[in-house]
Amino acid sequence: MTTPSFPSKDPLHGVTLEALLTELVAHYGWEELGQRIEVRCFNFDPSIKSSLQFLRKTPWARKKVEELYLYYKSQQG
């Protein structure tokens, strides 16, 4: 017997951290992103790679990035 699959109610389901960060950088740019979320990896020599390393180890910062992404997506609608 198989379990029926239901669509996830999580709006971040299927979105990788790299994909959402890349989209935020494309929309806001590093400077504005660093102003909205004040973390060193956004303000000093920013890169996707260094930011991903930091965000994967820092839950509070990752949460802020995810919240900004959800806000950004809600404004597109």
C-alpha atoms as a PDB file:
ATOM      1  CA  MET A   1       0.000   0.000   0.000  1.00  0.00           C
ATOM      2  CA  THR A   2       1.395   3.395  -0.957  1.00  0.00           C
ATOM      3  CA  THR A   3       0.901   6.634   0.866  1.00  0.00           C
ATOM      4  CA  PRO A   4      -0.914   9.276  -1.154  1.00  0.00           C
ATOM      5  CA  SER A   5       1.289  12.271  -1.891  1.00  0.00           C
ATOM      6  CA  PHE A   6      -0.037  15.690  -1.100  1.00  0.00           C
ATOM      7  CA  PRO A   7       1.493  18.963  -2.240  1.00  0.00           C
ATOM      8  CA  SER A   8       3.623  20.526   0.467  1.00  0.00           C
ATOM      9  CA  LYS A   9       2.191  23.546   2.236  1.00  0.00           C
ATOM     10  CA  ASP A  10       5.705  24.817   2.884  1.00  0.00           C
ATOM     11  CA  PRO A  11       6.279  27.724   0.474  1.00  0.00           C
ATOM     12  CA  LEU A  12      10.025  26.957   0.515  1.00  0.00           C
ATOM     13  CA  HIS A  13       9.517  23.307  -0.435  1.00  0.00           C
ATOM     14  CA  GLY A  14      11.760  22.429  -3.360  1.00  0.00           C
ATOM     15  CA  VAL A  15      13.658  25.743  -3.275  1.00  0.00           C
ATOM     16  CA  THR A  16      17.335  25.343  -2.475  1.00  0.00           C
ATOM     17  CA  LEU A  17      19.138  27.860  -0.317  1.00  0.00           C
ATOM     18  CA  GLU A  18      21.422  28.611  -3.255  1.00  0.00           C
ATOM     19  CA  ALA A  19      18.453  29.279  -5.573  1.00  0.00           C
ATOM     20  CA  LEU A  20      16.706  31.644  -3.181  1.00  0.00           C
ATOM     21  CA  LEU A  21      19.932  33.498  -2.335  1.00  0.00           C
ATOM     22  CA  THR A  22      20.770  33.860  -6.032  1.00  0.00           C
ATOM     23  CA  GLU A  23      17.300  35.244  -6.720  1.00  0.00           C
ATOM     24  CA  LEU A  24      17.533  37.713  -3.823  1.00  0.00           C
ATOM     25  CA  VAL A  25      20.961  38.928  -4.979  1.00  0.00           C
ATOM     26  CA  ALA A  26      19.661  39.349  -8.531  1.00  0.00           C
ATOM     27  CA  HIS A  27      16.718  41.399  -7.272  1.00  0.00           C
ATOM     28  CA  TYR A  28      18.214  43.436  -4.414  1.00  0.00           C
ATOM     29  CA  GLY A  29      21.961  43.308  -5.089  1.00  0.00           C
ATOM     30  CA  TRP A  30      24.560  42.651  -2.384  1.00  0.00           C
ATOM     31  CA  GLU A  31      24.492  46.214  -1.022  1.00  0.00           C
ATOM     32  CA  GLU A  32      20.762  46.332  -0.316  1.00  0.00           C
ATOM     33  CA  LEU A  33      20.764  42.720   0.894  1.00  0.00           C
ATOM     34  CA  GLY A  34      23.502  43.676   3.363  1.00  0.00           C
ATOM     35  CA  GLN A  35      21.414  46.618   4.560  1.00  0.00           C
ATOM     36  CA  ARG A  36      18.300  44.494   5.017  1.00  0.00           C
ATOM     37  CA  ILE A  37      20.136  41.627   6.721  1.00  0.00           C
ATOM     38  CA  GLU A  38      23.268  42.886   8.432  1.00  0.00           C
ATOM     39  CA  VAL A  39      25.685  39.999   8.221  1.00  0.00           C
ATOM     40  CA  ARG A  40      29.345  40.264   7.308  1.00  0.00           C
ATOM     41  CA  CYS A  41      29.136  37.827   4.372  1.00  0.00           C
ATOM     42  CA  PHE A  42      26.730  40.220   2.586  1.00  0.00           C
ATOM     43  CA  ASN A  43      28.709  43.388   3.316  1.00  0.00           C
ATOM     44  CA  PHE A  44      32.380  42.449   2.951  1.00  0.00           C
ATOM     45  CA  ASP A  45      33.594  40.718  -0.222  1.00  0.00           C
ATOM     46  CA  PRO A  46      30.234  38.964  -0.768  1.00  0.00           C
ATOM     47  CA  SER A  47      29.849  35.816  -2.826  1.00  0.00           C
ATOM     48  CA  ILE A  48      27.226  33.116  -3.132  1.00  0.00           C
ATOM     49  CA  LYS A  49      29.710  30.482  -1.949  1.00  0.00           C
ATOM     50  CA  SER A  50      30.800  32.279   1.235  1.00  0.00           C
ATOM     51  CA  SER A  51      27.233  33.291   2.027  1.00  0.00           C
ATOM     52  CA  LEU A  52      25.976  29.724   1.639  1.00  0.00           C
ATOM     53  CA  GLN A  53      28.697  28.459   3.987  1.00  0.00           C
ATOM     54  CA  PHE A  54      27.702  31.045   6.597  1.00  0.00           C
ATOM     55  CA  LEU A  55      23.942  30.554   6.231  1.00  0.00           C
ATOM     56  CA  ARG A  56      24.193  26.768   6.503  1.00  0.00           C
ATOM     57  CA  LYS A  57      25.960  27.153   9.863  1.00  0.00           C
ATOM     58  CA  THR A  58      23.878  30.051  11.214  1.00  0.00           C
ATOM     59  CA  PRO A  59      20.170  29.261  11.662  1.00  0.00           C
ATOM     60  CA  TRP A  60      19.085  32.781  12.708  1.00  0.00           C
ATOM     61  CA  ALA A  61      20.636  34.309   9.579  1.00  0.00           C
ATOM     62  CA  ARG A  62      19.183  31.629   7.328  1.00  0.00           C
ATOM     63  CA  LYS A  63      15.743  32.289   8.829  1.00  0.00           C
ATOM     64  CA  LYS A  64      16.060  36.011   8.021  1.00  0.00           C
ATOM     65  CA  VAL A  65      17.056  35.226   4.431  1.00  0.00           C
ATOM     66  CA  GLU A  66      14.136  32.816   4.046  1.00  0.00           C
ATOM     67  CA  GLU A  67      11.730  35.407   5.494  1.00  0.00           C
ATOM     68  CA  LEU A  68      13.008  38.071   3.079  1.00  0.00           C
ATOM     69  CA  TYR A  69      12.612  35.620   0.194  1.00  0.00           C
ATOM     70  CA  LEU A  70       9.006  34.872   1.186  1.00  0.00           C
ATOM     71  CA  TYR A  71       8.308  38.602   1.459  1.00  0.00           C
ATOM     72  CA  TYR A  72       9.880  39.210  -1.956  1.00  0.00           C
ATOM     73  CA  LYS A  73       7.811  36.418  -3.528  1.00  0.00           C
ATOM     74  CA  SER A  74       4.595  37.730  -1.922  1.00  0.00           C
ATOM     75  CA  GLN A  75       5.242  41.157  -3.481  1.00  0.00           C
ATOM     76  CA  GLN A  76       5.535  39.610  -6.952  1.00  0.00           C
ATOM     77  CA  GLY A  77       2.063  38.091  -6.848  1.00  0.00           C
END
